[in-house]
Amino acid sequence: MTTVEQDRFTRSWQEWHQAREETLAEPFGWLSITELHWLTGEPQRFAGIPGTWHEDGDAAIVAGEGELAVAGTERFELVNSGPGHLIDAGRRKIELARRSGYVLRVHDPESPARTGFRGVPAYEAYPAWVLEGVFEPFAEPREVTVGAVVEGLSHVYTSPGVLAFEHDGKTHRLTAFNGRNGTGFTVLFTDETSGVTTYAANRSLAVGEPDAEGRVRLDFNRALNLPCAFIDFATCPLPPAGNHLSFAVTAGEKTPYGRG
């Protein structure tokens, strides 16, 4: 790689990293979460949170009041392990999400995690951490159950296959899940930096669609921390069995400031 190519590669990563930090610092992003409550089958009230909340197994049931933007009683049926639903509540937003059961999270732009955010520490970007691999599909997609950072909780994701790549003369395989918006893949993994310089429980890597020959590009410079690396109110999944790399991936995001 020429100096010009190296400079272009570094600038591209820096722009991506800056955009990543801006997304984290958004008013109602992950860093704004200040509370987490699990719903039960009995209507509940939570201190400082308007409305009455419960679940019936398939949906969350919310009775609105005050600043809560719910007219009367509404039913919210969400996808398990999928995206949450935000409800306006004055300067705050209340998120409902389905994680086996239903969970309520409070988003407050004045949260200490957000107002004290200093960016995300990361390794310098190096082209050597862009590895070529190949997608090895299963005969049929598989439902894979993984644990979570919350004890007793599990997540279920669809895996279309594994991504195989070589590093230091050895072949490694990582179980891949379907990517966001139905394109590409998401890989959850740990490696020999986990719990040392990077977050212990997990990191995530987005991988693009394979080409006509099944080839993929794994850019570990863009390995991300999940929300649980930043806050105590997340229910992040753990990597599936076998997704620990037996070498140190000295690339991507490190353990967030103040969380080591």
C-alpha atoms as a PDB file:
ATOM      1  CA  MET A   1       0.000   0.000   0.000  1.00  0.00           C
ATOM      2  CA  THR A   2       1.403   3.373  -1.027  1.00  0.00           C
ATOM      3  CA  THR A   3       1.584   6.352   1.328  1.00  0.00           C
ATOM      4  CA  VAL A   4      -1.288   7.974  -0.542  1.00  0.00           C
ATOM      5  CA  GLU A   5      -3.403   4.834  -0.158  1.00  0.00           C
ATOM      6  CA  GLN A   6      -2.516   4.601   3.547  1.00  0.00           C
ATOM      7  CA  ASP A   7      -3.519   8.237   4.068  1.00  0.00           C
ATOM      8  CA  ARG A   8      -6.804   7.653   2.251  1.00  0.00           C
ATOM      9  CA  PHE A   9      -7.480   4.552   4.354  1.00  0.00           C
ATOM     10  CA  THR A  10      -6.753   6.451   7.586  1.00  0.00           C
ATOM     11  CA  ARG A  11      -8.950   9.406   6.616  1.00  0.00           C
ATOM     12  CA  SER A  12     -11.834   7.088   5.749  1.00  0.00           C
ATOM     13  CA  TRP A  13     -11.568   5.382   9.146  1.00  0.00           C
ATOM     14  CA  GLN A  14     -11.337   8.714  10.983  1.00  0.00           C
ATOM     15  CA  GLU A  15     -14.495   9.957   9.252  1.00  0.00           C
ATOM     16  CA  TRP A  16     -16.280   6.719  10.148  1.00  0.00           C
ATOM     17  CA  HIS A  17     -15.091   6.935  13.761  1.00  0.00           C
ATOM     18  CA  GLN A  18     -16.223  10.544  14.085  1.00  0.00           C
ATOM     19  CA  ALA A  19     -19.670   9.654  12.728  1.00  0.00           C
ATOM     20  CA  ARG A  20     -19.837   6.766  15.194  1.00  0.00           C
ATOM     21  CA  GLU A  21     -19.099   9.082  18.127  1.00  0.00           C
ATOM     22  CA  GLU A  22     -21.681  11.605  16.916  1.00  0.00           C
ATOM     23  CA  THR A  23     -24.305   8.854  16.782  1.00  0.00           C
ATOM     24  CA  LEU A  24     -23.500   7.747  20.325  1.00  0.00           C
ATOM     25  CA  ALA A  25     -23.832  11.338  21.562  1.00  0.00           C
ATOM     26  CA  GLU A  26     -27.302  11.871  20.069  1.00  0.00           C
ATOM     27  CA  PRO A  27     -29.861  13.177  22.620  1.00  0.00           C
ATOM     28  CA  PHE A  28     -31.828   9.930  22.818  1.00  0.00           C
ATOM     29  CA  GLY A  29     -29.145   7.413  21.940  1.00  0.00           C
ATOM     30  CA  TRP A  30     -27.799   4.618  24.124  1.00  0.00           C
ATOM     31  CA  LEU A  31     -25.841   6.982  26.355  1.00  0.00           C
ATOM     32  CA  SER A  32     -29.049   8.730  27.399  1.00  0.00           C
ATOM     33  CA  ILE A  33     -30.477   5.679  29.199  1.00  0.00           C
ATOM     34  CA  THR A  34     -30.815   6.214  32.952  1.00  0.00           C
ATOM     35  CA  GLU A  35     -33.206   3.475  34.112  1.00  0.00           C
ATOM     36  CA  LEU A  36     -34.275  -0.068  33.229  1.00  0.00           C
ATOM     37  CA  HIS A  37     -37.396  -1.841  34.532  1.00  0.00           C
ATOM     38  CA  TRP A  38     -38.854  -5.233  33.645  1.00  0.00           C
ATOM     39  CA  LEU A  39     -42.606  -5.419  33.110  1.00  0.00           C
ATOM     40  CA  THR A  40     -44.755  -8.085  34.735  1.00  0.00           C
ATOM     41  CA  GLY A  41     -48.277  -9.347  34.213  1.00  0.00           C
ATOM     42  CA  GLU A  42     -49.554  -6.912  36.852  1.00  0.00           C
ATOM     43  CA  PRO A  43     -49.970  -3.202  36.062  1.00  0.00           C
ATOM     44  CA  GLN A  44     -47.096  -1.254  37.606  1.00  0.00           C
ATOM     45  CA  ARG A  45     -46.140   2.334  38.223  1.00  0.00           C
ATOM     46  CA  PHE A  46     -42.510   3.433  38.377  1.00  0.00           C
ATOM     47  CA  ALA A  47     -41.306   6.417  40.386  1.00  0.00           C
ATOM     48  CA  GLY A  48     -40.961   9.514  38.243  1.00  0.00           C
ATOM     49  CA  ILE A  49     -42.323   7.778  35.105  1.00  0.00           C
ATOM     50  CA  PRO A  50     -45.854   8.671  33.978  1.00  0.00           C
ATOM     51  CA  GLY A  51     -48.344   5.944  33.079  1.00  0.00           C
ATOM     52  CA  THR A  52     -49.108   2.385  34.086  1.00  0.00           C
ATOM     53  CA  TRP A  53     -47.194  -0.478  32.491  1.00  0.00           C
ATOM     54  CA  HIS A  54     -47.536  -4.260  32.179  1.00  0.00           C
ATOM     55  CA  GLU A  55     -47.197  -7.122  29.694  1.00  0.00           C
ATOM     56  CA  ASP A  56     -49.552  -9.886  28.645  1.00  0.00           C
ATOM     57  CA  GLY A  57     -46.919 -12.219  27.185  1.00  0.00           C
ATOM     58  CA  ASP A  58     -47.181 -11.071  23.579  1.00  0.00           C
ATOM     59  CA  ALA A  59     -47.355  -7.314  24.063  1.00  0.00           C
ATOM     60  CA  ALA A  60     -46.669  -4.453  26.421  1.00  0.00           C
ATOM     61  CA  ILE A  61     -49.770  -2.603  27.618  1.00  0.00           C
ATOM     62  CA  VAL A  62     -49.429   1.085  28.461  1.00  0.00           C
ATOM     63  CA  ALA A  63     -52.010   3.358  30.048  1.00  0.00           C
ATOM     64  CA  GLY A  64     -51.006   6.944  29.344  1.00  0.00           C
ATOM     65  CA  GLU A  65     -51.146  10.000  31.547  1.00  0.00           C
ATOM     66  CA  GLY A  66     -49.450  13.372  31.974  1.00  0.00           C
ATOM     67  CA  GLU A  67     -46.595  13.978  29.507  1.00  0.00           C
ATOM     68  CA  LEU A  68     -46.653  10.410  28.195  1.00  0.00           C
ATOM     69  CA  ALA A  69     -47.667  10.446  24.519  1.00  0.00           C
ATOM     70  CA  VAL A  70     -50.107   7.547  24.790  1.00  0.00           C
ATOM     71  CA  ALA A  71     -53.816   8.136  24.211  1.00  0.00           C
ATOM     72  CA  GLY A  72     -55.785   6.056  26.691  1.00  0.00           C
ATOM     73  CA  THR A  73     -54.470   2.490  26.765  1.00  0.00           C
ATOM     74  CA  GLU A  74     -52.278   1.190  23.930  1.00  0.00           C
ATOM     75  CA  ARG A  75     -50.831  -2.204  23.100  1.00  0.00           C
ATOM     76  CA  PHE A  76     -47.298  -2.564  21.713  1.00  0.00           C
ATOM     77  CA  GLU A  77     -46.320  -5.936  20.233  1.00  0.00           C
ATOM     78  CA  LEU A  78     -42.606  -5.967  19.406  1.00  0.00           C
ATOM     79  CA  VAL A  79     -40.158  -8.423  17.858  1.00  0.00           C
ATOM     80  CA  ASN A  80     -38.098 -10.357  20.391  1.00  0.00           C
ATOM     81  CA  SER A  81     -34.457  -9.152  20.380  1.00  0.00           C
ATOM     82  CA  GLY A  82     -35.496  -6.544  17.806  1.00  0.00           C
ATOM     83  CA  PRO A  83     -35.523  -2.741  17.927  1.00  0.00           C
ATOM     84  CA  GLY A  84     -37.311  -0.897  20.710  1.00  0.00           C
ATOM     85  CA  HIS A  85     -40.159   1.596  20.475  1.00  0.00           C
ATOM     86  CA  LEU A  86     -39.745   5.133  21.834  1.00  0.00           C
ATOM     87  CA  ILE A  87     -42.616   7.054  23.438  1.00  0.00           C
ATOM     88  CA  ASP A  88     -42.357  10.796  24.087  1.00  0.00           C
ATOM     89  CA  ALA A  89     -42.545  11.827  27.743  1.00  0.00           C
ATOM     90  CA  GLY A  90     -41.713  15.536  27.938  1.00  0.00           C
ATOM     91  CA  ARG A  91     -37.957  16.092  27.705  1.00  0.00           C
ATOM     92  CA  ARG A  92     -37.449  12.352  28.083  1.00  0.00           C
ATOM     93  CA  LYS A  93     -38.435   9.337  25.990  1.00  0.00           C
ATOM     94  CA  ILE A  94     -39.558   5.964  27.313  1.00  0.00           C
ATOM     95  CA  GLU A  95     -38.394   2.942  25.329  1.00  0.00           C
ATOM     96  CA  LEU A  96     -40.184  -0.382  25.226  1.00  0.00           C
ATOM     97  CA  ALA A  97     -38.210  -3.397  24.051  1.00  0.00           C
ATOM     98  CA  ARG A  98     -38.786  -7.134  23.984  1.00  0.00           C
ATOM     99  CA  ARG A  99     -35.996  -9.237  25.455  1.00  0.00           C
ATOM    100  CA  SER A 100     -37.791 -12.532  26.114  1.00  0.00           C
ATOM    101  CA  GLY A 101     -40.049 -10.421  28.351  1.00  0.00           C
ATOM    102  CA  TYR A 102     -40.729  -6.717  27.983  1.00  0.00           C
ATOM    103  CA  VAL A 103     -38.414  -4.068  29.356  1.00  0.00           C
ATOM    104  CA  LEU A 104     -38.852  -0.336  29.875  1.00  0.00           C
ATOM    105  CA  ARG A 105     -35.880   2.033  29.548  1.00  0.00           C
ATOM    106  CA  VAL A 106     -35.804   5.768  30.259  1.00  0.00           C
ATOM    107  CA  HIS A 107     -33.875   8.002  27.832  1.00  0.00           C
ATOM    108  CA  ASP A 108     -32.834  11.322  29.339  1.00  0.00           C
ATOM    109  CA  PRO A 109     -30.586  13.714  27.343  1.00  0.00           C
ATOM    110  CA  GLU A 110     -29.152  14.924  30.664  1.00  0.00           C
ATOM    111  CA  SER A 111     -27.855  11.491  31.649  1.00  0.00           C
ATOM    112  CA  PRO A 112     -24.324  11.535  33.127  1.00  0.00           C
ATOM    113  CA  ALA A 113     -23.121   8.996  30.534  1.00  0.00           C
ATOM    114  CA  ARG A 114     -24.128  11.349  27.729  1.00  0.00           C
ATOM    115  CA  THR A 115     -23.137  14.705  29.234  1.00  0.00           C
ATOM    116  CA  GLY A 116     -19.772  13.246  30.309  1.00  0.00           C
ATOM    117  CA  PHE A 117     -19.085  11.469  27.001  1.00  0.00           C
ATOM    118  CA  ARG A 118     -15.465  11.953  25.861  1.00  0.00           C
ATOM    119  CA  GLY A 119     -15.511   9.850  22.738  1.00  0.00           C
ATOM    120  CA  VAL A 120     -14.551   6.207  22.224  1.00  0.00           C
ATOM    121  CA  PRO A 121     -10.933   5.088  22.586  1.00  0.00           C
ATOM    122  CA  ALA A 122      -9.779   2.921  19.705  1.00  0.00           C
ATOM    123  CA  TYR A 123      -6.708   1.391  18.162  1.00  0.00           C
ATOM    124  CA  GLU A 124      -5.121   3.234  15.255  1.00  0.00           C
ATOM    125  CA  ALA A 125      -6.414   2.014  11.921  1.00  0.00           C
ATOM    126  CA  TYR A 126      -4.163  -0.388  10.027  1.00  0.00           C
ATOM    127  CA  PRO A 127      -4.873  -1.959   6.620  1.00  0.00           C
ATOM    128  CA  ALA A 128      -3.385  -5.249   7.886  1.00  0.00           C
ATOM    129  CA  TRP A 129      -6.558  -5.731   9.970  1.00  0.00           C
ATOM    130  CA  VAL A 130      -8.701  -5.859   6.831  1.00  0.00           C
ATOM    131  CA  LEU A 131      -8.915  -9.612   6.245  1.00  0.00           C
ATOM    132  CA  GLU A 132     -10.380 -11.451   3.299  1.00  0.00           C
ATOM    133  CA  GLY A 133     -12.735 -14.296   4.076  1.00  0.00           C
ATOM    134  CA  VAL A 134     -15.434 -16.466   2.589  1.00  0.00           C
ATOM    135  CA  PHE A 135     -19.062 -17.009   3.514  1.00  0.00           C
ATOM    136  CA  GLU A 136     -19.887 -20.685   4.138  1.00  0.00           C
ATOM    137  CA  PRO A 137     -23.694 -20.950   4.199  1.00  0.00           C
ATOM    138  CA  PHE A 138     -25.611 -23.566   6.125  1.00  0.00           C
ATOM    139  CA  ALA A 139     -27.950 -25.789   4.137  1.00  0.00           C
ATOM    140  CA  GLU A 140     -30.757 -23.904   5.908  1.00  0.00           C
ATOM    141  CA  PRO A 141     -30.542 -20.837   8.185  1.00  0.00           C
ATOM    142  CA  ARG A 142     -30.379 -21.763  11.875  1.00  0.00           C
ATOM    143  CA  GLU A 143     -31.889 -20.185  14.953  1.00  0.00           C
ATOM    144  CA  VAL A 144     -29.045 -19.610  17.421  1.00  0.00           C
ATOM    145  CA  THR A 145     -29.674 -18.884  21.099  1.00  0.00           C
ATOM    146  CA  VAL A 146     -27.049 -16.846  22.909  1.00  0.00           C
ATOM    147  CA  GLY A 147     -26.721 -15.567  26.449  1.00  0.00           C
ATOM    148  CA  ALA A 148     -26.778 -11.934  27.539  1.00  0.00           C
ATOM    149  CA  VAL A 149     -24.936  -9.610  29.877  1.00  0.00           C
ATOM    150  CA  VAL A 150     -28.067  -9.816  32.055  1.00  0.00           C
ATOM    151  CA  GLU A 151     -28.033 -13.093  33.981  1.00  0.00           C
ATOM    152  CA  GLY A 152     -30.832 -15.463  32.996  1.00  0.00           C
ATOM    153  CA  LEU A 153     -31.668 -13.622  29.767  1.00  0.00           C
ATOM    154  CA  SER A 154     -31.167 -15.039  26.273  1.00  0.00           C
ATOM    155  CA  HIS A 155     -31.436 -13.794  22.699  1.00  0.00           C
ATOM    156  CA  VAL A 156     -32.344 -15.733  19.559  1.00  0.00           C
ATOM    157  CA  TYR A 157     -30.914 -14.730  16.173  1.00  0.00           C
ATOM    158  CA  THR A 158     -30.946 -16.233  12.708  1.00  0.00           C
ATOM    159  CA  SER A 159     -27.597 -17.441  11.403  1.00  0.00           C
ATOM    160  CA  PRO A 160     -27.243 -18.078   7.643  1.00  0.00           C
ATOM    161  CA  GLY A 161     -23.754 -19.563   8.006  1.00  0.00           C
ATOM    162  CA  VAL A 162     -20.175 -18.898   9.092  1.00  0.00           C
ATOM    163  CA  LEU A 163     -17.431 -16.567   7.885  1.00  0.00           C
ATOM    164  CA  ALA A 164     -14.069 -18.292   7.401  1.00  0.00           C
ATOM    165  CA  PHE A 165     -10.777 -16.398   7.170  1.00  0.00           C
ATOM    166  CA  GLU A 166      -7.075 -16.956   7.717  1.00  0.00           C
ATOM    167  CA  HIS A 167      -4.798 -15.245  10.219  1.00  0.00           C
ATOM    168  CA  ASP A 168      -1.202 -16.208  10.976  1.00  0.00           C
ATOM    169  CA  GLY A 169      -1.531 -19.305   8.819  1.00  0.00           C
ATOM    170  CA  LYS A 170      -4.608 -20.667  10.595  1.00  0.00           C
ATOM    171  CA  THR A 171      -8.222 -20.781   9.466  1.00  0.00           C
ATOM    172  CA  HIS A 172     -10.785 -19.285  11.833  1.00  0.00           C
ATOM    173  CA  ARG A 173     -14.571 -19.456  11.597  1.00  0.00           C
ATOM    174  CA  LEU A 174     -17.138 -17.151  13.141  1.00  0.00           C
ATOM    175  CA  THR A 175     -20.875 -17.784  13.302  1.00  0.00           C
ATOM    176  CA  ALA A 176     -22.587 -14.876  11.562  1.00  0.00           C
ATOM    177  CA  PHE A 177     -26.060 -13.454  12.097  1.00  0.00           C
ATOM    178  CA  ASN A 178     -28.140 -11.668   9.511  1.00  0.00           C
ATOM    179  CA  GLY A 179     -27.102  -8.048   9.249  1.00  0.00           C
ATOM    180  CA  ARG A 180     -29.194  -4.995   9.950  1.00  0.00           C
ATOM    181  CA  ASN A 181     -31.854  -4.187   7.403  1.00  0.00           C
ATOM    182  CA  GLY A 182     -31.493  -7.674   5.962  1.00  0.00           C
ATOM    183  CA  THR A 183     -28.152  -7.081   4.225  1.00  0.00           C
ATOM    184  CA  GLY A 184     -24.741  -8.490   5.035  1.00  0.00           C
ATOM    185  CA  PHE A 185     -23.845 -10.001   8.375  1.00  0.00           C
ATOM    186  CA  THR A 186     -23.300  -9.133  12.025  1.00  0.00           C
ATOM    187  CA  VAL A 187     -20.582 -10.975  13.933  1.00  0.00           C
ATOM    188  CA  LEU A 188     -20.316 -10.989  17.735  1.00  0.00           C
ATOM    189  CA  PHE A 189     -16.899 -12.056  19.000  1.00  0.00           C
ATOM    190  CA  THR A 190     -14.274 -11.932  21.712  1.00  0.00           C
ATOM    191  CA  ASP A 191     -10.517 -12.302  21.334  1.00  0.00           C
ATOM    192  CA  GLU A 192      -7.329 -12.222  23.392  1.00  0.00           C
ATOM    193  CA  THR A 193      -7.691  -8.467  24.025  1.00  0.00           C
ATOM    194  CA  SER A 194     -11.126  -8.955  25.646  1.00  0.00           C
ATOM    195  CA  GLY A 195     -11.021  -7.896  29.277  1.00  0.00           C
ATOM    196  CA  VAL A 196      -7.530  -6.456  28.772  1.00  0.00           C
ATOM    197  CA  THR A 197      -7.733  -3.504  26.379  1.00  0.00           C
ATOM    198  CA  THR A 198     -11.193  -4.158  24.938  1.00  0.00           C
ATOM    199  CA  TYR A 199     -14.583  -4.755  26.550  1.00  0.00           C
ATOM    200  CA  ALA A 200     -14.680  -8.208  28.118  1.00  0.00           C
ATOM    201  CA  ALA A 201     -18.121  -9.459  27.088  1.00  0.00           C
ATOM    202  CA  ASN A 202     -18.317  -8.804  23.362  1.00  0.00           C
ATOM    203  CA  ARG A 203     -17.577  -6.689  20.328  1.00  0.00           C
ATOM    204  CA  SER A 204     -19.552  -6.473  17.109  1.00  0.00           C
ATOM    205  CA  LEU A 205     -18.428  -6.374  13.481  1.00  0.00           C
ATOM    206  CA  ALA A 206     -20.600  -5.541  10.483  1.00  0.00           C
ATOM    207  CA  VAL A 207     -19.650  -7.419   7.304  1.00  0.00           C
ATOM    208  CA  GLY A 208     -20.975  -6.621   3.859  1.00  0.00           C
ATOM    209  CA  GLU A 209     -22.681  -8.931   1.388  1.00  0.00           C
ATOM    210  CA  PRO A 210     -20.494 -11.662  -0.167  1.00  0.00           C
ATOM    211  CA  ASP A 211     -19.515 -11.300  -3.805  1.00  0.00           C
ATOM    212  CA  ALA A 212     -20.411 -13.805  -6.529  1.00  0.00           C
ATOM    213  CA  GLU A 213     -17.651 -16.168  -5.298  1.00  0.00           C
ATOM    214  CA  GLY A 214     -18.771 -15.877  -1.670  1.00  0.00           C
ATOM    215  CA  ARG A 215     -15.848 -13.671  -0.649  1.00  0.00           C
ATOM    216  CA  VAL A 216     -16.268 -11.200   2.216  1.00  0.00           C
ATOM    217  CA  ARG A 217     -14.170  -8.444   3.760  1.00  0.00           C
ATOM    218  CA  LEU A 218     -13.714  -8.342   7.533  1.00  0.00           C
ATOM    219  CA  ASP A 219     -12.435  -4.922   8.581  1.00  0.00           C
ATOM    220  CA  PHE A 220     -11.610  -5.350  12.262  1.00  0.00           C
ATOM    221  CA  ASN A 221     -10.657  -1.669  12.433  1.00  0.00           C
ATOM    222  CA  ARG A 222     -14.416  -1.113  12.618  1.00  0.00           C
ATOM    223  CA  ALA A 223     -15.120  -3.544  15.458  1.00  0.00           C
ATOM    224  CA  LEU A 224     -17.628  -1.838  17.766  1.00  0.00           C
ATOM    225  CA  ASN A 225     -18.556  -1.864  21.409  1.00  0.00           C
ATOM    226  CA  LEU A 226     -22.157  -2.777  22.146  1.00  0.00           C
ATOM    227  CA  PRO A 227     -24.237  -0.512  24.436  1.00  0.00           C
ATOM    228  CA  CYS A 228     -23.441  -2.615  27.516  1.00  0.00           C
ATOM    229  CA  ALA A 229     -19.830  -1.457  27.259  1.00  0.00           C
ATOM    230  CA  PHE A 230     -20.991   2.105  27.986  1.00  0.00           C
ATOM    231  CA  ILE A 231     -23.976   1.785  30.338  1.00  0.00           C
ATOM    232  CA  ASP A 232     -25.428  -0.548  32.958  1.00  0.00           C
ATOM    233  CA  PHE A 233     -28.937  -0.478  31.476  1.00  0.00           C
ATOM    234  CA  ALA A 234     -28.396  -2.613  28.360  1.00  0.00           C
ATOM    235  CA  THR A 235     -29.294  -6.260  27.672  1.00  0.00           C
ATOM    236  CA  CYS A 236     -26.634  -6.986  25.047  1.00  0.00           C
ATOM    237  CA  PRO A 237     -26.149 -10.482  23.631  1.00  0.00           C
ATOM    238  CA  LEU A 238     -23.024 -12.513  24.197  1.00  0.00           C
ATOM    239  CA  PRO A 239     -21.172 -14.096  21.272  1.00  0.00           C
ATOM    240  CA  PRO A 240     -22.300 -17.579  20.212  1.00  0.00           C
ATOM    241  CA  ALA A 241     -20.240 -20.570  21.257  1.00  0.00           C
ATOM    242  CA  GLY A 242     -17.048 -20.766  19.229  1.00  0.00           C
ATOM    243  CA  ASN A 243     -16.825 -17.053  18.411  1.00  0.00           C
ATOM    244  CA  HIS A 244     -13.706 -16.477  20.495  1.00  0.00           C
ATOM    245  CA  LEU A 245     -10.610 -15.730  18.420  1.00  0.00           C
ATOM    246  CA  SER A 246      -7.436 -17.241  19.828  1.00  0.00           C
ATOM    247  CA  PHE A 247      -5.329 -14.204  18.933  1.00  0.00           C
ATOM    248  CA  ALA A 248      -5.309 -10.543  19.921  1.00  0.00           C
ATOM    249  CA  VAL A 249      -7.355  -8.333  17.594  1.00  0.00           C
ATOM    250  CA  THR A 250      -5.513  -5.072  18.226  1.00  0.00           C
ATOM    251  CA  ALA A 251      -7.985  -3.134  16.122  1.00  0.00           C
ATOM    252  CA  GLY A 252     -11.304  -1.407  16.593  1.00  0.00           C
ATOM    253  CA  GLU A 253     -12.833   0.109  19.694  1.00  0.00           C
ATOM    254  CA  LYS A 254     -11.262  -0.297  23.126  1.00  0.00           C
ATOM    255  CA  THR A 255     -12.927  -0.373  26.547  1.00  0.00           C
ATOM    256  CA  PRO A 256     -14.769   2.956  26.994  1.00  0.00           C
ATOM    257  CA  TYR A 257     -13.299   5.605  29.279  1.00  0.00           C
ATOM    258  CA  GLY A 258     -14.190   4.985  32.908  1.00  0.00           C
ATOM    259  CA  ARG A 259     -15.478   1.441  32.279  1.00  0.00           C
ATOM    260  CA  GLY A 260     -12.305  -0.556  32.704  1.00  0.00           C
END
